[in-house]
Each structure stands twice: as C-alpha cells, then as structure tokens.
N, C-alpha and C. Protein backbone atom coordinates (compact mmCIF):
# COMPACT_ATOMS: atom_id res chain seq x y z
N UNK A 1 34.71 23.28 -69.22
CA UNK A 1 33.77 22.21 -68.96
C UNK A 1 32.61 22.20 -69.98
N UNK A 2 32.20 23.38 -70.40
CA UNK A 2 31.07 23.46 -71.32
C UNK A 2 31.44 22.77 -72.63
N UNK A 3 30.56 21.86 -73.07
CA UNK A 3 30.80 21.08 -74.28
C UNK A 3 31.42 19.73 -74.01
N UNK A 4 31.98 19.53 -72.81
CA UNK A 4 32.58 18.24 -72.48
C UNK A 4 31.50 17.23 -72.11
N UNK A 5 31.83 15.96 -72.30
CA UNK A 5 30.92 14.86 -71.96
C UNK A 5 31.55 14.02 -70.86
N UNK A 6 30.76 13.70 -69.85
CA UNK A 6 31.17 12.86 -68.74
C UNK A 6 30.18 11.71 -68.66
N UNK A 7 30.59 10.54 -69.12
CA UNK A 7 29.68 9.41 -69.19
C UNK A 7 28.57 9.72 -70.18
N UNK A 8 27.34 9.75 -69.70
CA UNK A 8 26.19 10.06 -70.55
C UNK A 8 25.77 11.52 -70.47
N UNK A 9 26.45 12.32 -69.65
CA UNK A 9 26.08 13.72 -69.46
C UNK A 9 26.96 14.65 -70.27
N UNK A 10 26.33 15.53 -71.05
CA UNK A 10 27.05 16.56 -71.80
C UNK A 10 26.77 17.90 -71.11
N UNK A 11 27.82 18.63 -70.79
CA UNK A 11 27.69 19.92 -70.11
C UNK A 11 27.23 20.97 -71.11
N UNK A 12 26.10 21.62 -70.80
CA UNK A 12 25.53 22.63 -71.67
C UNK A 12 25.94 24.05 -71.28
N UNK A 13 25.89 24.33 -69.95
CA UNK A 13 26.19 25.68 -69.48
C UNK A 13 26.44 25.68 -67.99
N UNK A 14 26.98 26.80 -67.49
CA UNK A 14 27.12 26.97 -66.05
C UNK A 14 25.73 27.21 -65.47
N UNK A 15 25.52 26.75 -64.26
CA UNK A 15 24.24 26.97 -63.61
C UNK A 15 24.39 27.95 -62.46
N UNK A 16 24.85 27.50 -61.33
CA UNK A 16 25.00 28.34 -60.15
C UNK A 16 26.17 27.82 -59.33
N UNK A 17 26.51 28.57 -58.30
CA UNK A 17 27.54 28.12 -57.37
C UNK A 17 26.84 27.71 -56.09
N UNK A 18 27.14 26.49 -55.61
CA UNK A 18 26.52 25.99 -54.40
C UNK A 18 27.07 26.67 -53.15
N UNK A 19 26.47 26.38 -52.01
CA UNK A 19 26.89 26.96 -50.74
C UNK A 19 28.34 26.66 -50.42
N UNK A 20 28.82 25.49 -50.84
CA UNK A 20 30.19 25.09 -50.55
C UNK A 20 31.18 25.65 -51.56
N UNK A 21 30.70 26.42 -52.53
CA UNK A 21 31.57 27.04 -53.51
C UNK A 21 31.78 26.22 -54.77
N UNK A 22 31.14 25.07 -54.87
CA UNK A 22 31.28 24.24 -56.06
C UNK A 22 30.41 24.77 -57.20
N UNK A 23 31.02 24.92 -58.36
CA UNK A 23 30.28 25.35 -59.55
C UNK A 23 29.35 24.23 -59.99
N UNK A 24 28.12 24.58 -60.31
CA UNK A 24 27.16 23.60 -60.83
C UNK A 24 26.97 23.86 -62.31
N UNK A 25 26.66 22.77 -63.03
CA UNK A 25 26.51 22.85 -64.47
C UNK A 25 25.20 22.22 -64.90
N UNK A 26 24.62 22.81 -65.93
CA UNK A 26 23.41 22.24 -66.54
C UNK A 26 23.88 21.24 -67.58
N UNK A 27 23.40 20.02 -67.47
CA UNK A 27 23.84 18.93 -68.35
C UNK A 27 22.62 18.27 -69.00
N UNK A 28 22.89 17.63 -70.13
CA UNK A 28 21.85 16.86 -70.82
C UNK A 28 22.34 15.42 -70.94
N UNK A 29 21.51 14.50 -70.50
CA UNK A 29 21.83 13.07 -70.56
C UNK A 29 21.52 12.54 -71.95
N UNK A 30 22.14 11.43 -72.30
CA UNK A 30 21.87 10.79 -73.59
C UNK A 30 20.40 10.45 -73.77
N UNK A 31 19.68 10.21 -72.66
CA UNK A 31 18.25 9.88 -72.73
C UNK A 31 17.39 11.11 -72.98
N UNK A 32 18.00 12.32 -72.89
CA UNK A 32 17.26 13.56 -73.13
C UNK A 32 16.93 14.34 -71.88
N UNK A 33 17.13 13.76 -70.71
CA UNK A 33 16.80 14.44 -69.45
C UNK A 33 17.83 15.53 -69.15
N UNK A 34 17.36 16.63 -68.56
CA UNK A 34 18.25 17.70 -68.12
C UNK A 34 18.57 17.49 -66.65
N UNK A 35 19.79 17.79 -66.28
CA UNK A 35 20.27 17.52 -64.93
C UNK A 35 21.23 18.64 -64.52
N UNK A 36 21.20 19.02 -63.25
CA UNK A 36 22.17 19.96 -62.68
C UNK A 36 23.17 19.12 -61.89
N UNK A 37 24.46 19.29 -62.18
CA UNK A 37 25.48 18.49 -61.51
C UNK A 37 26.64 19.38 -61.09
N UNK A 38 27.26 19.04 -59.96
CA UNK A 38 28.43 19.77 -59.49
C UNK A 38 29.65 19.37 -60.33
N UNK A 39 30.49 20.35 -60.61
CA UNK A 39 31.67 20.12 -61.43
C UNK A 39 32.60 19.08 -60.85
N UNK A 40 32.80 19.10 -59.52
CA UNK A 40 33.71 18.13 -58.91
C UNK A 40 33.19 16.71 -59.04
N UNK A 41 31.88 16.52 -59.02
CA UNK A 41 31.30 15.17 -59.19
C UNK A 41 31.46 14.70 -60.63
N UNK A 42 31.33 15.60 -61.59
CA UNK A 42 31.52 15.23 -63.00
C UNK A 42 32.96 14.83 -63.25
N UNK A 43 33.90 15.66 -62.77
CA UNK A 43 35.32 15.39 -63.01
C UNK A 43 35.80 14.11 -62.33
N UNK A 44 35.26 13.80 -61.15
CA UNK A 44 35.70 12.61 -60.41
C UNK A 44 35.06 11.32 -60.94
N UNK A 45 34.01 11.45 -61.77
CA UNK A 45 33.32 10.28 -62.29
C UNK A 45 32.19 9.81 -61.40
N UNK A 46 31.96 10.53 -60.31
CA UNK A 46 30.88 10.16 -59.39
C UNK A 46 29.50 10.39 -60.03
N UNK A 47 29.43 11.37 -60.92
CA UNK A 47 28.17 11.67 -61.60
C UNK A 47 28.38 11.48 -63.09
N UNK A 48 27.74 10.47 -63.69
CA UNK A 48 27.96 10.20 -65.11
C UNK A 48 26.67 9.96 -65.89
N UNK A 49 25.53 10.09 -65.22
CA UNK A 49 24.24 9.94 -65.90
C UNK A 49 23.16 10.57 -65.04
N UNK A 50 21.96 10.73 -65.59
CA UNK A 50 20.87 11.37 -64.86
C UNK A 50 20.25 10.42 -63.84
N UNK A 51 19.40 10.97 -63.00
CA UNK A 51 18.76 10.18 -61.95
C UNK A 51 17.94 9.03 -62.54
N UNK A 52 17.19 9.30 -63.60
CA UNK A 52 16.35 8.26 -64.21
C UNK A 52 17.20 7.08 -64.69
N UNK A 53 18.32 7.39 -65.34
CA UNK A 53 19.20 6.32 -65.84
C UNK A 53 19.84 5.56 -64.68
N UNK A 54 20.21 6.27 -63.60
CA UNK A 54 20.78 5.59 -62.43
C UNK A 54 19.75 4.65 -61.80
N UNK A 55 18.50 5.12 -61.68
CA UNK A 55 17.45 4.29 -61.09
C UNK A 55 17.15 3.06 -61.96
N UNK A 56 17.12 3.26 -63.27
CA UNK A 56 16.88 2.14 -64.19
C UNK A 56 18.01 1.12 -64.11
N UNK A 57 19.23 1.58 -64.00
CA UNK A 57 20.38 0.67 -63.90
C UNK A 57 20.30 -0.13 -62.61
N UNK A 58 19.92 0.53 -61.52
CA UNK A 58 19.79 -0.18 -60.23
C UNK A 58 18.66 -1.18 -60.27
N UNK A 59 17.55 -0.83 -60.92
CA UNK A 59 16.42 -1.76 -61.02
C UNK A 59 16.82 -2.99 -61.82
N UNK A 60 17.57 -2.80 -62.91
CA UNK A 60 18.02 -3.93 -63.72
C UNK A 60 18.99 -4.81 -62.94
N UNK A 61 19.86 -4.21 -62.15
CA UNK A 61 20.81 -4.98 -61.34
C UNK A 61 20.06 -5.81 -60.31
N UNK A 62 19.05 -5.20 -59.68
CA UNK A 62 18.26 -5.93 -58.68
C UNK A 62 17.53 -7.10 -59.32
N UNK A 63 17.03 -6.93 -60.55
CA UNK A 63 16.35 -8.02 -61.24
C UNK A 63 17.31 -9.17 -61.52
N UNK A 64 18.55 -8.84 -61.87
CA UNK A 64 19.54 -9.88 -62.17
C UNK A 64 19.87 -10.71 -60.94
N UNK A 65 19.87 -10.09 -59.78
CA UNK A 65 20.30 -10.77 -58.56
C UNK A 65 19.14 -11.28 -57.71
N UNK A 66 17.94 -11.10 -58.18
CA UNK A 66 16.79 -11.53 -57.42
C UNK A 66 16.80 -13.06 -57.27
N UNK A 67 16.64 -13.52 -56.05
CA UNK A 67 16.59 -14.96 -55.79
C UNK A 67 17.93 -15.65 -55.72
N UNK A 68 19.03 -14.90 -55.67
CA UNK A 68 20.33 -15.53 -55.61
C UNK A 68 20.87 -15.62 -54.19
N UNK A 69 20.12 -15.14 -53.22
CA UNK A 69 20.60 -15.14 -51.83
C UNK A 69 20.08 -16.34 -51.09
C-alpha cells in the first residue's frame, strides 16, 4: 500500500491498527493535508481525499443546487 495513490490520497506509511483490526495509513492529499485512513476504505474507494477537500466539494455541490427545489 505504501506509495500507492487512491484518488487524491498518496499512502506515505503505516500508522496504527484500529480496534477492529483494520490497518491505518498516513496519507497526503494533493492539497497538502495529512490524513489517517483505514486501508479497507482506501481500497474500496470510500476514502479518496482529505476532509477539507470533501467539505469543499460538498459546499460547491450545495451552491450548484441552491434554489432548485
């Protein structure tokens, strides 16, 4: 996993193992933010960018649909 890229996240190193046994990884987003993500979420595509980028994408989507209801 180390060195692989999933969406905007590049895996830098192993972090820790969660309570459920899932390996966590330290990742760097294209925007420069560091993020800890579970390996199963990266592989499934559920996690592909940092929280800031996810929030910005949601804000932009809300702006596009504002007043259409």
